[in-house]
Amino acid sequence: MSEPTGHDGVSNTTLLKKLLVVALLMFGFGWALVPIYRKICEVTGINLLTTKDPAAARAAANTQIDTSRKVIVEFDANRQGPWRFRPHMNHIEVHPGELVHVEYDLVNLESRAMAGQAIPSYAPMQSGRYFQKLECFCFEQQVLQGGETRKFPVVFFIDPDLPRDVNQITLSYTFFEIPGATPQESTAAAAPARAQGDGRS
């Protein structure tokens, strides 16, 4: 019996094999995207992943607000994976040096726990060095249980040394799933149970 063929003469089995290879390549690319991004950042110095800087809080306390100018900050949210991710506001007008508090909503659309990481970027690119975050969910990986919704704050100020020709900044986050990451809540919850069990023996 001859093998069933599609309209273009290619066998269904061959087509299925090709689709499986494409799916595996896409999964592998998604899994490797965050570490690849980190390495590119290290090599080029562009869009560096944000880390918590204790000096930022001291700088915020000592920074004078420049009321002579305003900067429009736009907020953008993108996601890679089964998330719903959005800022509570699209933009805000601030004075350089002014402390600002905004929030993002993140929803895990899966029934399983997932770990993820937010990666920030800025436009214009050079404005990132003047965007000082005191609090941000992008400082570490986040774990959401299946169907869980979380609000994440971002507290920041714009350094008054921002060049005067920059009057608009776009803060853009992309939230990636970290495949294979162990949900921390599950591990933490299991530890007390084991300790109690050891005490009863």
C-alpha atoms as a PDB file:
ATOM      1  CA  MET A   1       0.000   0.000   0.000  1.00  0.00           C
ATOM      2  CA  SER A   2       1.401   3.439  -0.940  1.00  0.00           C
ATOM      3  CA  GLU A   3       2.069   6.032   1.785  1.00  0.00           C
ATOM      4  CA  PRO A   4      -0.615   8.767   1.974  1.00  0.00           C
ATOM      5  CA  THR A   5       0.522  12.014   0.445  1.00  0.00           C
ATOM      6  CA  GLY A   6      -0.462  15.647   0.805  1.00  0.00           C
ATOM      7  CA  HIS A   7      -1.613  17.947  -1.990  1.00  0.00           C
ATOM      8  CA  ASP A   8       1.957  18.830  -2.975  1.00  0.00           C
ATOM      9  CA  GLY A   9       3.135  15.219  -3.178  1.00  0.00           C
ATOM     10  CA  VAL A  10       5.009  15.289   0.153  1.00  0.00           C
ATOM     11  CA  SER A  11       4.083  12.386   2.432  1.00  0.00           C
ATOM     12  CA  ASN A  12       2.165  13.169   5.601  1.00  0.00           C
ATOM     13  CA  THR A  13       4.806  11.312   7.627  1.00  0.00           C
ATOM     14  CA  THR A  14       7.616  13.437   6.199  1.00  0.00           C
ATOM     15  CA  LEU A  15       5.631  16.599   6.845  1.00  0.00           C
ATOM     16  CA  LEU A  16       4.949  15.509  10.438  1.00  0.00           C
ATOM     17  CA  LYS A  17       8.651  14.853  11.013  1.00  0.00           C
ATOM     18  CA  LYS A  18       9.537  18.308   9.705  1.00  0.00           C
ATOM     19  CA  LEU A  19       6.931  19.945  11.938  1.00  0.00           C
ATOM     20  CA  LEU A  20       8.251  18.075  14.982  1.00  0.00           C
ATOM     21  CA  VAL A  21      11.799  19.236  14.228  1.00  0.00           C
ATOM     22  CA  VAL A  22      10.585  22.847  13.907  1.00  0.00           C
ATOM     23  CA  ALA A  23       8.660  22.561  17.199  1.00  0.00           C
ATOM     24  CA  LEU A  24      11.731  21.167  18.999  1.00  0.00           C
ATOM     25  CA  LEU A  25      13.947  23.927  17.579  1.00  0.00           C
ATOM     26  CA  MET A  26      11.450  26.596  18.698  1.00  0.00           C
ATOM     27  CA  PHE A  27      11.292  25.116  22.211  1.00  0.00           C
ATOM     28  CA  GLY A  28      15.082  24.958  22.411  1.00  0.00           C
ATOM     29  CA  PHE A  29      15.405  28.544  21.230  1.00  0.00           C
ATOM     30  CA  GLY A  30      12.852  29.738  23.813  1.00  0.00           C
ATOM     31  CA  TRP A  31      14.627  27.838  26.573  1.00  0.00           C
ATOM     32  CA  ALA A  32      17.995  29.345  25.651  1.00  0.00           C
ATOM     33  CA  LEU A  33      16.757  32.886  25.003  1.00  0.00           C
ATOM     34  CA  VAL A  34      17.326  34.313  28.495  1.00  0.00           C
ATOM     35  CA  PRO A  35      20.897  33.002  28.967  1.00  0.00           C
ATOM     36  CA  ILE A  36      21.721  34.108  25.409  1.00  0.00           C
ATOM     37  CA  TYR A  37      20.338  37.572  26.196  1.00  0.00           C
ATOM     38  CA  ARG A  38      22.411  37.712  29.394  1.00  0.00           C
ATOM     39  CA  LYS A  39      25.587  36.836  27.498  1.00  0.00           C
ATOM     40  CA  ILE A  40      24.897  39.423  24.786  1.00  0.00           C
ATOM     41  CA  CYS A  41      24.358  42.023  27.508  1.00  0.00           C
ATOM     42  CA  GLU A  42      27.660  41.112  29.153  1.00  0.00           C
ATOM     43  CA  VAL A  43      29.592  41.329  25.881  1.00  0.00           C
ATOM     44  CA  THR A  44      27.994  44.490  24.444  1.00  0.00           C
ATOM     45  CA  GLY A  45      26.968  46.354  27.605  1.00  0.00           C
ATOM     46  CA  ILE A  46      23.587  47.060  25.998  1.00  0.00           C
ATOM     47  CA  ASN A  47      20.311  46.766  27.934  1.00  0.00           C
ATOM     48  CA  LEU A  48      22.018  45.246  30.967  1.00  0.00           C
ATOM     49  CA  LEU A  49      19.761  43.202  33.229  1.00  0.00           C
ATOM     50  CA  THR A  50      18.798  45.304  36.197  1.00  0.00           C
ATOM     51  CA  THR A  51      20.267  44.418  39.562  1.00  0.00           C
ATOM     52  CA  LYS A  52      19.335  45.971  42.865  1.00  0.00           C
ATOM     53  CA  ASP A  53      21.676  48.817  43.715  1.00  0.00           C
ATOM     54  CA  PRO A  54      21.726  49.871  47.399  1.00  0.00           C
ATOM     55  CA  ALA A  55      23.223  53.201  46.349  1.00  0.00           C
ATOM     56  CA  ALA A  56      20.055  54.039  44.390  1.00  0.00           C
ATOM     57  CA  ALA A  57      18.032  54.514  47.586  1.00  0.00           C
ATOM     58  CA  ARG A  58      20.661  56.868  49.000  1.00  0.00           C
ATOM     59  CA  ALA A  59      20.782  58.760  45.719  1.00  0.00           C
ATOM     60  CA  ALA A  60      16.979  59.113  45.716  1.00  0.00           C
ATOM     61  CA  ALA A  61      17.041  60.583  49.228  1.00  0.00           C
ATOM     62  CA  ASN A  62      19.669  63.143  48.232  1.00  0.00           C
ATOM     63  CA  THR A  63      18.439  63.993  44.737  1.00  0.00           C
ATOM     64  CA  GLN A  64      16.757  67.341  44.177  1.00  0.00           C
ATOM     65  CA  ILE A  65      13.613  67.361  42.031  1.00  0.00           C
ATOM     66  CA  ASP A  66      14.047  69.380  38.866  1.00  0.00           C
ATOM     67  CA  THR A  67      10.665  71.127  38.556  1.00  0.00           C
ATOM     68  CA  SER A  68      11.856  73.112  35.553  1.00  0.00           C
ATOM     69  CA  ARG A  69      11.346  70.160  33.197  1.00  0.00           C
ATOM     70  CA  LYS A  70       9.147  67.128  32.661  1.00  0.00           C
ATOM     71  CA  VAL A  71       9.825  63.732  31.111  1.00  0.00           C
ATOM     72  CA  ILE A  72       7.159  61.445  29.689  1.00  0.00           C
ATOM     73  CA  VAL A  73       7.772  57.819  30.676  1.00  0.00           C
ATOM     74  CA  GLU A  74       5.919  55.221  28.595  1.00  0.00           C
ATOM     75  CA  PHE A  75       5.406  51.657  29.860  1.00  0.00           C
ATOM     76  CA  ASP A  76       5.416  48.642  27.577  1.00  0.00           C
ATOM     77  CA  ALA A  77       4.911  44.956  28.443  1.00  0.00           C
ATOM     78  CA  ASN A  78       5.657  41.898  26.305  1.00  0.00           C
ATOM     79  CA  ARG A  79       5.656  38.216  27.186  1.00  0.00           C
ATOM     80  CA  GLN A  80       7.186  35.009  25.907  1.00  0.00           C
ATOM     81  CA  GLY A  81       5.125  32.092  27.153  1.00  0.00           C
ATOM     82  CA  PRO A  82       1.647  31.534  28.650  1.00  0.00           C
ATOM     83  CA  TRP A  83       1.402  34.776  30.663  1.00  0.00           C
ATOM     84  CA  ARG A  84      -0.860  37.802  30.703  1.00  0.00           C
ATOM     85  CA  PHE A  85       1.306  40.806  31.447  1.00  0.00           C
ATOM     86  CA  ARG A  86       0.428  44.513  31.437  1.00  0.00           C
ATOM     87  CA  PRO A  87       1.191  47.820  33.171  1.00  0.00           C
ATOM     88  CA  HIS A  88      -1.564  49.618  35.101  1.00  0.00           C
ATOM     89  CA  MET A  89      -0.869  52.783  33.118  1.00  0.00           C
ATOM     90  CA  ASN A  90       0.471  53.437  29.637  1.00  0.00           C
ATOM     91  CA  HIS A  91       2.500  56.525  30.496  1.00  0.00           C
ATOM     92  CA  ILE A  92       3.199  59.102  33.173  1.00  0.00           C
ATOM     93  CA  GLU A  93       4.693  62.599  33.201  1.00  0.00           C
ATOM     94  CA  VAL A  94       7.392  63.105  35.860  1.00  0.00           C
ATOM     95  CA  HIS A  95       9.988  65.611  36.992  1.00  0.00           C
ATOM     96  CA  PRO A  96      13.591  64.336  37.039  1.00  0.00           C
ATOM     97  CA  GLY A  97      14.433  63.383  40.621  1.00  0.00           C
ATOM     98  CA  GLU A  98      10.784  62.683  41.506  1.00  0.00           C
ATOM     99  CA  LEU A  99      10.103  59.280  43.118  1.00  0.00           C
ATOM    100  CA  VAL A 100       7.529  57.338  41.057  1.00  0.00           C
ATOM    101  CA  HIS A 101       5.535  54.193  41.900  1.00  0.00           C
ATOM    102  CA  VAL A 102       3.836  52.138  39.161  1.00  0.00           C
ATOM    103  CA  GLU A 103       2.447  48.588  39.053  1.00  0.00           C
ATOM    104  CA  TYR A 104       2.305  45.703  36.598  1.00  0.00           C
ATOM    105  CA  ASP A 105      -0.120  42.768  36.554  1.00  0.00           C
ATOM    106  CA  LEU A 106       1.163  39.296  35.752  1.00  0.00           C
ATOM    107  CA  VAL A 107      -1.085  36.242  35.362  1.00  0.00           C
ATOM    108  CA  ASN A 108       0.041  32.628  34.986  1.00  0.00           C
ATOM    109  CA  LEU A 109      -2.352  31.233  32.371  1.00  0.00           C
ATOM    110  CA  GLU A 110      -1.228  27.644  32.936  1.00  0.00           C
ATOM    111  CA  SER A 111      -2.483  25.196  35.594  1.00  0.00           C
ATOM    112  CA  ARG A 112       1.115  24.464  36.662  1.00  0.00           C
ATOM    113  CA  ALA A 113       3.588  26.590  38.596  1.00  0.00           C
ATOM    114  CA  MET A 114       5.995  28.544  36.399  1.00  0.00           C
ATOM    115  CA  ALA A 115       9.128  30.587  37.004  1.00  0.00           C
ATOM    116  CA  GLY A 116       9.880  33.634  34.907  1.00  0.00           C
ATOM    117  CA  GLN A 117      12.232  36.584  34.547  1.00  0.00           C
ATOM    118  CA  ALA A 118      11.488  40.122  33.389  1.00  0.00           C
ATOM    119  CA  ILE A 119      14.114  41.747  31.195  1.00  0.00           C
ATOM    120  CA  PRO A 120      13.999  45.555  30.868  1.00  0.00           C
ATOM    121  CA  SER A 121      15.061  47.670  27.933  1.00  0.00           C
ATOM    122  CA  TYR A 122      14.923  51.397  27.316  1.00  0.00           C
ATOM    123  CA  ALA A 123      14.373  53.771  24.432  1.00  0.00           C
ATOM    124  CA  PRO A 124      16.319  55.820  23.693  1.00  0.00           C
ATOM    125  CA  MET A 125      18.927  53.265  24.667  1.00  0.00           C
ATOM    126  CA  GLN A 126      21.243  55.719  26.455  1.00  0.00           C
ATOM    127  CA  SER A 127      18.423  56.722  28.839  1.00  0.00           C
ATOM    128  CA  GLY A 128      18.798  53.405  30.719  1.00  0.00           C
ATOM    129  CA  ARG A 129      21.761  54.726  32.701  1.00  0.00           C
ATOM    130  CA  TYR A 130      19.568  57.553  34.072  1.00  0.00           C
ATOM    131  CA  PHE A 131      16.625  55.295  34.956  1.00  0.00           C
ATOM    132  CA  GLN A 132      17.198  54.454  38.624  1.00  0.00           C
ATOM    133  CA  LYS A 133      15.061  51.627  40.086  1.00  0.00           C
ATOM    134  CA  LEU A 134      14.710  51.244  43.850  1.00  0.00           C
ATOM    135  CA  GLU A 135      12.234  48.362  43.662  1.00  0.00           C
ATOM    136  CA  CYS A 136      11.490  46.095  40.715  1.00  0.00           C
ATOM    137  CA  PHE A 137      10.259  42.567  40.046  1.00  0.00           C
ATOM    138  CA  CYS A 138      13.000  42.384  37.414  1.00  0.00           C
ATOM    139  CA  PHE A 139      15.663  42.097  40.137  1.00  0.00           C
ATOM    140  CA  GLU A 140      15.023  38.336  40.478  1.00  0.00           C
ATOM    141  CA  GLN A 141      13.101  35.411  39.033  1.00  0.00           C
ATOM    142  CA  GLN A 142       9.425  35.243  39.959  1.00  0.00           C
ATOM    143  CA  VAL A 143       7.401  32.080  40.610  1.00  0.00           C
ATOM    144  CA  LEU A 144       3.643  32.016  40.064  1.00  0.00           C
ATOM    145  CA  GLN A 145       1.416  29.066  40.878  1.00  0.00           C
ATOM    146  CA  GLY A 146      -1.082  27.801  38.292  1.00  0.00           C
ATOM    147  CA  GLY A 147      -3.702  30.493  37.554  1.00  0.00           C
ATOM    148  CA  GLU A 148      -2.135  32.914  40.038  1.00  0.00           C
ATOM    149  CA  THR A 149      -2.354  36.703  39.532  1.00  0.00           C
ATOM    150  CA  ARG A 150       0.258  38.991  41.064  1.00  0.00           C
ATOM    151  CA  LYS A 151       0.777  42.747  41.212  1.00  0.00           C
ATOM    152  CA  PHE A 152       4.375  43.872  40.963  1.00  0.00           C
ATOM    153  CA  PRO A 153       5.533  47.380  41.910  1.00  0.00           C
ATOM    154  CA  VAL A 154       8.257  49.357  40.216  1.00  0.00           C
ATOM    155  CA  VAL A 155       9.679  52.310  42.164  1.00  0.00           C
ATOM    156  CA  PHE A 156      12.063  54.563  40.262  1.00  0.00           C
ATOM    157  CA  PHE A 157      13.295  58.062  39.599  1.00  0.00           C
ATOM    158  CA  ILE A 158      14.875  59.717  36.587  1.00  0.00           C
ATOM    159  CA  ASP A 159      18.338  61.069  37.297  1.00  0.00           C
ATOM    160  CA  PRO A 160      18.306  64.876  36.857  1.00  0.00           C
ATOM    161  CA  ASP A 161      21.532  64.486  34.844  1.00  0.00           C
ATOM    162  CA  LEU A 162      19.414  63.065  32.007  1.00  0.00           C
ATOM    163  CA  PRO A 163      20.391  65.044  28.871  1.00  0.00           C
ATOM    164  CA  ARG A 164      17.982  67.914  28.343  1.00  0.00           C
ATOM    165  CA  ASP A 165      17.223  66.871  24.773  1.00  0.00           C
ATOM    166  CA  VAL A 166      15.639  63.630  26.094  1.00  0.00           C
ATOM    167  CA  ASN A 167      12.037  64.376  27.044  1.00  0.00           C
ATOM    168  CA  GLN A 168      10.520  60.920  26.542  1.00  0.00           C
ATOM    169  CA  ILE A 169      11.639  57.468  27.740  1.00  0.00           C
ATOM    170  CA  THR A 170      10.056  54.093  27.035  1.00  0.00           C
ATOM    171  CA  LEU A 171      10.533  51.412  29.672  1.00  0.00           C
ATOM    172  CA  SER A 172       9.823  48.047  28.091  1.00  0.00           C
ATOM    173  CA  TYR A 173       9.729  44.701  29.904  1.00  0.00           C
ATOM    174  CA  THR A 174       9.685  41.279  28.308  1.00  0.00           C
ATOM    175  CA  PHE A 175       8.676  38.483  30.683  1.00  0.00           C
ATOM    176  CA  PHE A 176      10.143  35.077  29.806  1.00  0.00           C
ATOM    177  CA  GLU A 177       9.311  31.678  31.203  1.00  0.00           C
ATOM    178  CA  ILE A 178      12.385  29.910  32.621  1.00  0.00           C
ATOM    179  CA  PRO A 179      11.843  26.268  31.545  1.00  0.00           C
ATOM    180  CA  GLY A 180      13.024  23.703  34.061  1.00  0.00           C
ATOM    181  CA  ALA A 181      13.281  26.184  36.941  1.00  0.00           C
ATOM    182  CA  THR A 182      12.161  24.617  40.234  1.00  0.00           C
ATOM    183  CA  PRO A 183       9.237  26.516  41.798  1.00  0.00           C
ATOM    184  CA  GLN A 184      10.661  27.861  45.056  1.00  0.00           C
ATOM    185  CA  GLU A 185       7.350  27.810  46.906  1.00  0.00           C
ATOM    186  CA  SER A 186       6.977  24.061  46.437  1.00  0.00           C
ATOM    187  CA  THR A 187      10.503  23.403  47.711  1.00  0.00           C
ATOM    188  CA  ALA A 188      10.040  25.710  50.701  1.00  0.00           C
ATOM    189  CA  ALA A 189       6.701  24.147  51.599  1.00  0.00           C
ATOM    190  CA  ALA A 190       8.144  20.632  51.493  1.00  0.00           C
ATOM    191  CA  ALA A 191      10.989  21.452  53.912  1.00  0.00           C
ATOM    192  CA  PRO A 192       8.834  22.010  57.048  1.00  0.00           C
ATOM    193  CA  ALA A 193       6.858  18.856  56.273  1.00  0.00           C
ATOM    194  CA  ARG A 194      10.063  16.822  56.186  1.00  0.00           C
ATOM    195  CA  ALA A 195      11.258  18.427  59.424  1.00  0.00           C
ATOM    196  CA  GLN A 196       7.992  17.544  61.196  1.00  0.00           C
ATOM    197  CA  GLY A 197       8.178  14.010  59.914  1.00  0.00           C
ATOM    198  CA  ASP A 198      11.719  13.651  61.267  1.00  0.00           C
ATOM    199  CA  GLY A 199      10.541  14.884  64.676  1.00  0.00           C
ATOM    200  CA  ARG A 200       7.829  12.256  64.946  1.00  0.00           C
ATOM    201  CA  SER A 201      10.117   9.313  64.189  1.00  0.00           C
END
